[in-house]
Amino acid sequence: MALDVGNVRIGVAASDPTQTISTPLNSLPRKNSISEIKEICSDRAIVLILVGMPYLPSGKLGTQARITEAFINELKISIEIPIQTADERMTTIEAKIRLKESGYKNISKAGNKGIIDSAAAAVLLDEYISSL
């Protein structure tokens, strides 16, 4: 499973049991999301949670990365599944490209942010799967 953690929403994607392809799931509201993440993990027999780390272009950790680290620490308290981080730079750009190619129109509208977040999580997960 991959998570794209934002201030308002969390994009979510999960792989198939063979870890061949990822699928974007519905994004979650950030507030009180840990219980929903636990439920998804249970329902899908998740063995690893991959969290996108929003590094700055310089490669350093900025404010958003520190917020993401705090979320990971909260998650670790509630979930016994291993958690890894991965560089999420460029995943949103790639997600928008993939969405346009698959026929989504007006993906930049505010109402589509959750779709983009989960598509970015799927990009992150695809990159991880490809590296195995």
C-alpha atoms as a PDB file:
ATOM      1  CA  MET A   1       0.000   0.000   0.000  1.00  0.00           C
ATOM      2  CA  ALA A   2       1.203   3.530  -0.703  1.00  0.00           C
ATOM      3  CA  LEU A   3       0.119   6.779   0.925  1.00  0.00           C
ATOM      4  CA  ASP A   4       0.495  10.311  -0.381  1.00  0.00           C
ATOM      5  CA  VAL A   5       0.091  12.317   2.825  1.00  0.00           C
ATOM      6  CA  GLY A   6      -1.180  15.868   2.540  1.00  0.00           C
ATOM      7  CA  ASN A   7      -2.522  18.405   4.987  1.00  0.00           C
ATOM      8  CA  VAL A   8      -6.158  17.826   3.977  1.00  0.00           C
ATOM      9  CA  ARG A   9      -6.236  14.405   2.284  1.00  0.00           C
ATOM     10  CA  ILE A  10      -4.253  11.209   1.994  1.00  0.00           C
ATOM     11  CA  GLY A  11      -3.989   9.590  -1.403  1.00  0.00           C
ATOM     12  CA  VAL A  12      -4.129   5.799  -1.184  1.00  0.00           C
ATOM     13  CA  ALA A  13      -3.111   3.041  -3.580  1.00  0.00           C
ATOM     14  CA  ALA A  14      -2.754  -0.708  -3.156  1.00  0.00           C
ATOM     15  CA  SER A  15      -1.176  -3.410  -5.239  1.00  0.00           C
ATOM     16  CA  ASP A  16      -2.739  -6.661  -6.323  1.00  0.00           C
ATOM     17  CA  PRO A  17      -1.746  -9.781  -4.316  1.00  0.00           C
ATOM     18  CA  THR A  18       1.000 -10.614  -6.831  1.00  0.00           C
ATOM     19  CA  GLN A  19       2.507  -7.127  -6.412  1.00  0.00           C
ATOM     20  CA  THR A  20       2.355  -6.563 -10.147  1.00  0.00           C
ATOM     21  CA  ILE A  21       0.223  -3.462 -10.525  1.00  0.00           C
ATOM     22  CA  SER A  22      -1.100  -0.727  -8.282  1.00  0.00           C
ATOM     23  CA  THR A  23      -4.600   0.667  -8.136  1.00  0.00           C
ATOM     24  CA  PRO A  24      -5.588   4.070  -6.779  1.00  0.00           C
ATOM     25  CA  LEU A  25      -8.207   3.829  -4.030  1.00  0.00           C
ATOM     26  CA  ASN A  26     -10.449   6.562  -2.681  1.00  0.00           C
ATOM     27  CA  SER A  27      -8.495   9.268  -0.926  1.00  0.00           C
ATOM     28  CA  LEU A  28      -9.092   9.714   2.784  1.00  0.00           C
ATOM     29  CA  PRO A  29      -9.643  12.869   4.784  1.00  0.00           C
ATOM     30  CA  ARG A  30      -6.451  13.422   6.780  1.00  0.00           C
ATOM     31  CA  LYS A  31      -8.351  13.880  10.037  1.00  0.00           C
ATOM     32  CA  ASN A  32      -8.983  10.535  11.762  1.00  0.00           C
ATOM     33  CA  SER A  33      -7.522   8.612   8.796  1.00  0.00           C
ATOM     34  CA  ILE A  34      -5.533   6.069  10.780  1.00  0.00           C
ATOM     35  CA  SER A  35      -8.559   3.901  11.601  1.00  0.00           C
ATOM     36  CA  GLU A  36      -9.508   3.803   7.909  1.00  0.00           C
ATOM     37  CA  ILE A  37      -5.930   2.945   6.942  1.00  0.00           C
ATOM     38  CA  LYS A  38      -5.986   0.096   9.480  1.00  0.00           C
ATOM     39  CA  GLU A  39      -9.232  -1.188   7.958  1.00  0.00           C
ATOM     40  CA  ILE A  40      -7.811  -1.100   4.422  1.00  0.00           C
ATOM     41  CA  CYS A  41      -4.704  -2.936   5.632  1.00  0.00           C
ATOM     42  CA  SER A  42      -6.846  -5.634   7.212  1.00  0.00           C
ATOM     43  CA  ASP A  43      -9.224  -5.984   4.246  1.00  0.00           C
ATOM     44  CA  ARG A  44      -6.408  -6.197   1.696  1.00  0.00           C
ATOM     45  CA  ALA A  45      -3.836  -8.135   3.756  1.00  0.00           C
ATOM     46  CA  ILE A  46      -1.298  -5.320   3.368  1.00  0.00           C
ATOM     47  CA  VAL A  47       2.277  -6.316   4.234  1.00  0.00           C
ATOM     48  CA  LEU A  48       4.026  -2.945   3.756  1.00  0.00           C
ATOM     49  CA  ILE A  49       2.982   0.692   3.889  1.00  0.00           C
ATOM     50  CA  LEU A  50       4.984   2.958   1.612  1.00  0.00           C
ATOM     51  CA  VAL A  51       4.685   6.630   2.493  1.00  0.00           C
ATOM     52  CA  GLY A  52       5.723   9.312   0.033  1.00  0.00           C
ATOM     53  CA  MET A  53       8.291  11.672   1.521  1.00  0.00           C
ATOM     54  CA  PRO A  54       8.026  15.182   0.074  1.00  0.00           C
ATOM     55  CA  TYR A  55      11.679  16.141  -0.187  1.00  0.00           C
ATOM     56  CA  LEU A  56      12.576  19.638  -1.319  1.00  0.00           C
ATOM     57  CA  PRO A  57      14.152  19.962  -4.791  1.00  0.00           C
ATOM     58  CA  SER A  58      17.501  20.151  -2.982  1.00  0.00           C
ATOM     59  CA  GLY A  59      16.843  16.707  -1.479  1.00  0.00           C
ATOM     60  CA  LYS A  60      16.513  18.081   2.033  1.00  0.00           C
ATOM     61  CA  LEU A  61      13.552  17.723   4.365  1.00  0.00           C
ATOM     62  CA  GLY A  62      11.264  20.731   4.586  1.00  0.00           C
ATOM     63  CA  THR A  63       8.171  21.597   6.570  1.00  0.00           C
ATOM     64  CA  GLN A  64       5.865  19.192   4.716  1.00  0.00           C
ATOM     65  CA  ALA A  65       8.334  16.331   5.172  1.00  0.00           C
ATOM     66  CA  ARG A  66       8.392  16.955   8.905  1.00  0.00           C
ATOM     67  CA  ILE A  67       4.576  16.900   8.950  1.00  0.00           C
ATOM     68  CA  THR A  68       4.709  13.594   7.063  1.00  0.00           C
ATOM     69  CA  GLU A  69       7.220  12.202   9.557  1.00  0.00           C
ATOM     70  CA  ALA A  70       4.869  13.129  12.415  1.00  0.00           C
ATOM     71  CA  PHE A  71       2.033  11.289  10.637  1.00  0.00           C
ATOM     72  CA  ILE A  72       4.256   8.215  10.184  1.00  0.00           C
ATOM     73  CA  ASN A  73       5.039   8.245  13.894  1.00  0.00           C
ATOM     74  CA  GLU A  74       1.297   8.340  14.692  1.00  0.00           C
ATOM     75  CA  LEU A  75       0.701   5.484  12.259  1.00  0.00           C
ATOM     76  CA  LYS A  76       3.473   3.360  13.780  1.00  0.00           C
ATOM     77  CA  ILE A  77       1.736   3.549  17.155  1.00  0.00           C
ATOM     78  CA  SER A  78      -1.467   2.076  15.705  1.00  0.00           C
ATOM     79  CA  ILE A  79      -0.218  -0.344  13.059  1.00  0.00           C
ATOM     80  CA  GLU A  80       2.257  -3.187  13.284  1.00  0.00           C
ATOM     81  CA  ILE A  81       2.840  -3.321   9.522  1.00  0.00           C
ATOM     82  CA  PRO A  82       6.309  -2.206   8.389  1.00  0.00           C
ATOM     83  CA  ILE A  83       6.399   1.375   7.083  1.00  0.00           C
ATOM     84  CA  GLN A  84       8.920   2.651   4.558  1.00  0.00           C
ATOM     85  CA  THR A  85       9.334   6.048   2.976  1.00  0.00           C
ATOM     86  CA  ALA A  86      10.084   6.817  -0.655  1.00  0.00           C
ATOM     87  CA  ASP A  87      10.892  10.009  -2.505  1.00  0.00           C
ATOM     88  CA  GLU A  88       7.615  11.324  -3.897  1.00  0.00           C
ATOM     89  CA  ARG A  89       9.044  14.160  -5.974  1.00  0.00           C
ATOM     90  CA  MET A  90       7.452  14.210  -9.433  1.00  0.00           C
ATOM     91  CA  THR A  91       4.725  11.673  -8.579  1.00  0.00           C
ATOM     92  CA  THR A  92       1.945  14.262  -8.840  1.00  0.00           C
ATOM     93  CA  ILE A  93       3.162  15.366 -12.267  1.00  0.00           C
ATOM     94  CA  GLU A  94       3.308  11.752 -13.451  1.00  0.00           C
ATOM     95  CA  ALA A  95      -0.130  11.101 -11.935  1.00  0.00           C
ATOM     96  CA  LYS A  96      -1.663  14.004 -13.861  1.00  0.00           C
ATOM     97  CA  ILE A  97      -0.117  12.708 -17.088  1.00  0.00           C
ATOM     98  CA  ARG A  98      -1.512   9.223 -16.477  1.00  0.00           C
ATOM     99  CA  LEU A  99      -4.951  10.585 -15.628  1.00  0.00           C
ATOM    100  CA  LYS A 100      -5.057  12.688 -18.811  1.00  0.00           C
ATOM    101  CA  GLU A 101      -3.959   9.676 -20.859  1.00  0.00           C
ATOM    102  CA  SER A 102      -6.746   7.593 -19.329  1.00  0.00           C
ATOM    103  CA  GLY A 103      -9.389  10.149 -20.305  1.00  0.00           C
ATOM    104  CA  TYR A 104      -9.841  12.313 -17.216  1.00  0.00           C
ATOM    105  CA  LYS A 105     -10.750  15.855 -18.143  1.00  0.00           C
ATOM    106  CA  ASN A 106     -10.205  18.981 -16.018  1.00  0.00           C
ATOM    107  CA  ILE A 107      -8.074  17.092 -13.507  1.00  0.00           C
ATOM    108  CA  SER A 108      -6.696  20.320 -12.087  1.00  0.00           C
ATOM    109  CA  LYS A 109     -10.080  21.378 -10.672  1.00  0.00           C
ATOM    110  CA  ALA A 110     -10.285  21.469  -6.875  1.00  0.00           C
ATOM    111  CA  GLY A 111     -12.836  18.651  -6.777  1.00  0.00           C
ATOM    112  CA  ASN A 112     -10.371  16.262  -8.376  1.00  0.00           C
ATOM    113  CA  LYS A 113      -7.568  16.698  -5.832  1.00  0.00           C
ATOM    114  CA  GLY A 114      -8.343  13.394  -4.119  1.00  0.00           C
ATOM    115  CA  ILE A 115      -8.179  11.560  -7.443  1.00  0.00           C
ATOM    116  CA  ILE A 116      -4.788  13.141  -8.140  1.00  0.00           C
ATOM    117  CA  ASP A 117      -3.514  12.296  -4.634  1.00  0.00           C
ATOM    118  CA  SER A 118      -4.439   8.625  -4.979  1.00  0.00           C
ATOM    119  CA  ALA A 119      -3.044   8.501  -8.516  1.00  0.00           C
ATOM    120  CA  ALA A 120       0.217   9.939  -7.130  1.00  0.00           C
ATOM    121  CA  ALA A 121       0.218   7.183  -4.485  1.00  0.00           C
ATOM    122  CA  ALA A 122      -0.211   4.644  -7.307  1.00  0.00           C
ATOM    123  CA  VAL A 123       2.768   6.137  -9.157  1.00  0.00           C
ATOM    124  CA  LEU A 124       4.820   5.851  -5.981  1.00  0.00           C
ATOM    125  CA  LEU A 125       3.758   2.230  -5.536  1.00  0.00           C
ATOM    126  CA  ASP A 126       4.433   1.375  -9.197  1.00  0.00           C
ATOM    127  CA  GLU A 127       7.945   2.798  -8.851  1.00  0.00           C
ATOM    128  CA  TYR A 128       8.502   0.712  -5.734  1.00  0.00           C
ATOM    129  CA  ILE A 129       7.193  -2.464  -7.388  1.00  0.00           C
ATOM    130  CA  SER A 130       9.438  -1.850 -10.401  1.00  0.00           C
ATOM    131  CA  SER A 131      12.468  -1.593  -8.131  1.00  0.00           C
ATOM    132  CA  LEU A 132      11.894  -5.056  -6.600  1.00  0.00           C
END
